[in-house]
């Protein structure tokens, strides 16, 4: 379980010598339950991507705590293999000098989950699960379409069989038809690996389609956390406004 308690985050603004700081997150607290898909929804500047970096241990909060199974998320050993990520920019997520095979081998080697003789079959299996065949092994990221590259990123994310995958705007760079394909793929992988997601997005429709609960963020604070099936009953004027925008 992932438990976030009283998290604040701010960044220095202006020049090197100024003491001015901009508050990005304030009093963030929630729990992610094993196996669920939690959507984190917010407009640009709401703080959702900053929260994503904190959840992955990339940054430390100014105040508060983020615990994975009772241990700080910044402890690499605590989260190794248990949490993985898929980001918006798939081209920069893969080393441009790596083939698809090398990109998929990297997490497998780090965790030593496969003996050397099993690596080839493991990569074939991963590619097949994301809708690609073994011919993609030797390709580089610049030889892939956006959808193909993001599928490789998903294959890499599930290669360690994590309990949680953080997806930070993972669909926003893809066109509509490819987005739908990736959403269906995410649903399938969730079943295959018995994993859960933290799905960070500005697209409330995608979140409703994929997620069990959604957390609405506004100006660095949590506006509301609600089950997707109960969204029409929301009492938050801001959430109702977001729903009206997509239903208009």
Protein backbone atom coordinates (compact mmCIF):
# COMPACT_ATOMS: atom_id res chain seq x y z
CA UNK A 1 0.00 0.00 0.00
CA UNK A 2 1.08 3.55 -0.77
CA UNK A 3 0.26 6.13 1.90
CA UNK A 4 0.73 9.87 1.32
CA UNK A 5 0.40 12.11 4.38
CA UNK A 6 0.55 15.91 4.64
CA UNK A 7 2.77 16.48 1.61
CA UNK A 8 3.84 20.01 0.69
CA UNK A 9 6.17 20.94 -2.15
CA UNK A 10 7.52 24.29 -3.34
CA UNK A 11 10.20 25.51 -5.74
CA UNK A 12 12.47 28.53 -5.73
CA UNK A 13 11.46 31.26 -8.14
CA UNK A 14 13.46 34.05 -9.74
CA UNK A 15 17.25 34.28 -9.60
CA UNK A 16 19.82 32.41 -7.57
CA UNK A 17 19.80 34.98 -4.75
CA UNK A 18 16.07 35.37 -4.27
CA UNK A 19 14.30 33.70 -1.38
CA UNK A 20 10.93 33.59 -3.11
CA UNK A 21 9.31 30.17 -3.39
CA UNK A 22 6.22 29.06 -5.28
CA UNK A 23 3.95 26.60 -3.51
CA UNK A 24 3.07 23.73 -5.86
CA UNK A 25 1.48 21.17 -3.51
CA UNK A 26 -0.27 21.75 -0.19
CA UNK A 27 -1.47 19.22 2.39
CA UNK A 28 -1.71 16.28 -0.01
CA UNK A 29 -2.91 13.09 1.63
CA UNK A 30 -4.41 9.88 0.24
CA UNK A 31 -3.96 6.11 0.08
CA UNK A 32 -3.47 3.91 -2.97
CA UNK A 33 -4.84 0.42 -2.43
CA UNK A 34 -3.20 -2.68 -3.82
CA UNK A 35 -4.55 -3.57 -7.27
CA UNK A 36 -6.63 -0.44 -7.84
CA UNK A 37 -6.38 2.12 -10.60
CA UNK A 38 -6.41 5.62 -9.14
CA UNK A 39 -6.74 8.50 -11.56
CA UNK A 40 -5.12 11.83 -10.67
CA UNK A 41 -6.85 14.50 -12.74
CA UNK A 42 -6.04 18.16 -13.03
CA UNK A 43 -5.56 21.02 -15.42
CA UNK A 44 -2.10 22.26 -16.36
CA UNK A 45 -0.43 23.74 -13.29
CA UNK A 46 -2.53 21.77 -10.80
CA UNK A 47 0.56 20.01 -9.42
CA UNK A 48 -0.28 16.50 -10.62
CA UNK A 49 3.05 15.84 -12.40
CA UNK A 50 4.99 17.18 -9.41
CA UNK A 51 3.06 14.71 -7.29
CA UNK A 52 3.97 11.97 -9.77
CA UNK A 53 7.70 12.67 -9.32
CA UNK A 54 7.29 12.52 -5.56
CA UNK A 55 5.40 9.21 -5.78
CA UNK A 56 8.30 7.74 -7.78
CA UNK A 57 10.92 8.96 -5.31
CA UNK A 58 12.50 11.23 -7.92
CA UNK A 59 12.04 14.20 -5.60
CA UNK A 60 11.67 14.59 -1.84
CA UNK A 61 8.76 16.60 -0.42
CA UNK A 62 9.38 19.71 1.66
CA UNK A 63 7.08 18.31 4.32
CA UNK A 64 5.03 15.19 4.89
CA UNK A 65 5.67 11.55 4.08
CA UNK A 66 5.18 9.08 1.24
CA UNK A 67 5.43 5.47 2.39
CA UNK A 68 5.46 2.25 0.40
CA UNK A 69 4.68 -0.71 2.65
CA UNK A 70 5.72 1.41 5.61
CA UNK A 71 9.07 2.51 4.16
CA UNK A 72 9.95 5.89 2.60
CA UNK A 73 9.40 5.91 -1.14
CA UNK A 74 12.82 7.53 -1.55
CA UNK A 75 14.39 4.25 -0.33
CA UNK A 76 15.40 2.61 -3.61
CA UNK A 77 15.43 -0.86 -2.06
CA UNK A 78 11.86 -0.41 -0.84
CA UNK A 79 10.47 0.37 -4.28
CA UNK A 80 12.86 -1.65 -6.51
CA UNK A 81 10.80 -3.76 -8.88
CA UNK A 82 7.59 -2.89 -7.03
CA UNK A 83 6.88 0.47 -8.70
CA UNK A 84 7.57 1.41 -12.32
CA UNK A 85 6.64 4.32 -14.55
CA UNK A 86 5.56 5.32 -18.05
CA UNK A 87 6.02 8.97 -18.99
CA UNK A 88 4.55 11.30 -21.61
CA UNK A 89 7.71 11.65 -23.70
CA UNK A 90 8.34 8.12 -24.92
CA UNK A 91 11.26 9.18 -27.16
CA UNK A 92 13.32 10.47 -24.24
CA UNK A 93 12.24 7.56 -22.02
CA UNK A 94 14.30 5.11 -24.06
CA UNK A 95 18.04 5.47 -24.60
CA UNK A 96 18.29 6.38 -28.32
CA UNK A 97 21.39 4.17 -28.63
CA UNK A 98 19.51 1.12 -27.30
CA UNK A 99 17.58 -1.33 -29.41
CA UNK A 100 14.18 -2.42 -28.15
CA UNK A 101 15.80 -5.60 -26.84
CA UNK A 102 18.43 -3.66 -24.90
CA UNK A 103 15.78 -1.35 -23.44
CA UNK A 104 13.78 -4.32 -22.18
CA UNK A 105 16.86 -6.12 -20.90
CA UNK A 106 17.90 -3.22 -18.66
CA UNK A 107 15.31 -3.70 -15.87
CA UNK A 108 15.57 -7.49 -16.12
CA UNK A 109 19.32 -7.35 -15.55
CA UNK A 110 19.02 -4.89 -12.67
CA UNK A 111 16.68 -7.20 -10.77
CA UNK A 112 18.21 -10.43 -12.10
CA UNK A 113 14.73 -11.82 -12.62
CA UNK A 114 15.79 -14.03 -15.51
CA UNK A 115 18.71 -16.36 -16.11
CA UNK A 116 20.66 -15.50 -19.26
CA UNK A 117 19.21 -18.44 -21.18
CA UNK A 118 15.67 -17.23 -20.42
CA UNK A 119 16.10 -13.63 -21.50
CA UNK A 120 15.24 -14.13 -25.16
CA UNK A 121 11.93 -15.85 -24.40
CA UNK A 122 11.14 -13.22 -21.73
CA UNK A 123 11.56 -10.40 -24.26
CA UNK A 124 9.45 -12.20 -26.86
CA UNK A 125 6.73 -12.67 -24.24
CA UNK A 126 6.80 -9.00 -23.23
CA UNK A 127 6.60 -7.81 -26.84
CA UNK A 128 3.73 -10.16 -27.56
CA UNK A 129 1.81 -8.93 -24.50
CA UNK A 130 1.93 -5.33 -25.76
CA UNK A 131 0.94 -6.28 -29.31
CA UNK A 132 4.38 -6.33 -30.96
CA UNK A 133 6.26 -9.25 -32.49
CA UNK A 134 9.88 -10.38 -32.18
CA UNK A 135 10.89 -8.40 -35.30
CA UNK A 136 10.92 -5.28 -33.09
CA UNK A 137 13.87 -6.58 -31.05
CA UNK A 138 16.54 -4.92 -33.16
CA UNK A 139 14.76 -1.63 -33.85
CA UNK A 140 15.69 1.72 -32.34
CA UNK A 141 13.21 4.22 -30.92
CA UNK A 142 13.49 6.53 -33.96
CA UNK A 143 12.29 3.63 -36.12
CA UNK A 144 9.05 3.28 -34.14
CA UNK A 145 5.76 5.12 -34.36
CA UNK A 146 4.53 6.92 -31.24
CA UNK A 147 2.15 4.11 -30.38
CA UNK A 148 4.83 1.46 -30.88
CA UNK A 149 7.33 3.35 -28.73
CA UNK A 150 4.79 3.72 -25.92
CA UNK A 151 4.03 0.00 -26.15
CA UNK A 152 7.73 -0.69 -25.64
CA UNK A 153 7.69 1.62 -22.61
CA UNK A 154 4.74 -0.35 -21.24
CA UNK A 155 6.54 -3.64 -21.88
CA UNK A 156 9.54 -2.32 -19.97
CA UNK A 157 7.30 -1.11 -17.13
CA UNK A 158 5.68 -4.53 -16.64
CA UNK A 159 8.92 -6.50 -17.12
CA UNK A 160 9.62 -6.51 -13.37
CA UNK A 161 6.01 -7.51 -12.64
CA UNK A 162 5.46 -4.42 -10.45
CA UNK A 163 2.59 -3.98 -8.04
CA UNK A 164 2.05 -0.38 -9.15
CA UNK A 165 2.72 1.52 -12.38
CA UNK A 166 2.66 5.31 -12.37
CA UNK A 167 1.54 6.65 -15.77
CA UNK A 168 2.23 10.37 -16.11
CA UNK A 169 0.30 11.77 -19.10
CA UNK A 170 1.28 8.57 -20.92
CA UNK A 171 -1.40 9.05 -23.60
CA UNK A 172 -1.30 12.79 -24.23
CA UNK A 173 1.27 12.66 -27.07
CA UNK A 174 -0.71 10.03 -29.01
CA UNK A 175 -3.59 10.50 -31.42
CA UNK A 176 -7.12 9.47 -30.47
CA UNK A 177 -7.23 6.01 -32.03
CA UNK A 178 -3.84 5.05 -30.58
CA UNK A 179 -4.90 6.37 -27.16
CA UNK A 180 -7.85 3.99 -27.19
CA UNK A 181 -5.60 1.07 -28.14
CA UNK A 182 -3.25 1.85 -25.25
CA UNK A 183 -6.17 2.14 -22.81
CA UNK A 184 -7.37 -1.31 -23.86
CA UNK A 185 -3.81 -2.60 -23.50
CA UNK A 186 -3.59 -1.15 -19.98
CA UNK A 187 -6.79 -2.95 -19.03
CA UNK A 188 -5.40 -6.21 -20.39
CA UNK A 189 -2.02 -5.87 -18.66
CA UNK A 190 -3.71 -5.07 -15.38
CA UNK A 191 -5.40 -8.47 -15.52
CA UNK A 192 -2.36 -10.38 -16.73
CA UNK A 193 0.00 -9.01 -14.07
CA UNK A 194 -2.51 -8.34 -11.28
CA UNK A 195 -1.05 -4.85 -11.02
CA UNK A 196 -2.55 -1.46 -10.25
CA UNK A 197 -2.06 1.99 -11.72
CA UNK A 198 -1.73 5.59 -10.67
CA UNK A 199 -2.98 7.26 -13.83
CA UNK A 200 -2.00 10.95 -14.00
CA UNK A 201 -3.87 12.82 -16.72
CA UNK A 202 -5.78 15.95 -17.71
CA UNK A 203 -8.21 13.72 -19.66
CA UNK A 204 -11.13 12.93 -17.38
CA UNK A 205 -12.76 10.70 -20.02
CA UNK A 206 -9.70 8.41 -20.16
CA UNK A 207 -9.55 8.32 -16.37
CA UNK A 208 -13.21 7.37 -16.06
CA UNK A 209 -12.75 4.62 -18.64
CA UNK A 210 -9.74 3.08 -16.87
CA UNK A 211 -9.89 3.96 -13.18
CA UNK A 212 -11.73 2.77 -10.07
CA UNK A 213 -11.39 6.13 -8.28
CA UNK A 214 -10.35 9.58 -9.38
CA UNK A 215 -8.60 12.28 -7.37
CA UNK A 216 -9.35 15.77 -8.65
CA UNK A 217 -6.54 18.30 -8.12
CA UNK A 218 -6.83 22.06 -8.27
CA UNK A 219 -4.12 24.64 -7.54
CA UNK A 220 -1.92 22.13 -5.75
CA UNK A 221 -4.64 20.77 -3.48
CA UNK A 222 -6.98 17.79 -3.56
CA UNK A 223 -10.44 18.98 -4.52
CA UNK A 224 -12.14 15.61 -4.19
CA UNK A 225 -11.57 11.84 -4.30
CA UNK A 226 -14.52 9.90 -5.67
CA UNK A 227 -15.34 6.51 -7.17
CA UNK A 228 -15.74 6.82 -10.94
CA UNK A 229 -19.23 5.36 -10.72
CA UNK A 230 -20.25 8.17 -8.38
CA UNK A 231 -18.89 11.09 -10.40
CA UNK A 232 -22.36 12.22 -11.48
CA UNK A 233 -23.24 12.60 -7.81
CA UNK A 234 -20.25 14.82 -7.02
CA UNK A 235 -20.82 17.78 -4.74
CA UNK A 236 -17.76 19.69 -5.95
CA UNK A 237 -18.64 22.60 -8.30
CA UNK A 238 -15.17 22.32 -9.88
CA UNK A 239 -15.63 18.60 -10.65
CA UNK A 240 -19.09 19.26 -12.03
CA UNK A 241 -17.60 21.93 -14.29
CA UNK A 242 -15.02 19.44 -15.64
CA UNK A 243 -17.78 16.91 -16.32
CA UNK A 244 -19.91 19.52 -18.09
CA UNK A 245 -16.97 20.39 -20.35
CA UNK A 246 -16.62 16.81 -21.64
CA UNK A 247 -20.37 16.22 -21.90
CA UNK A 248 -21.09 19.48 -23.73
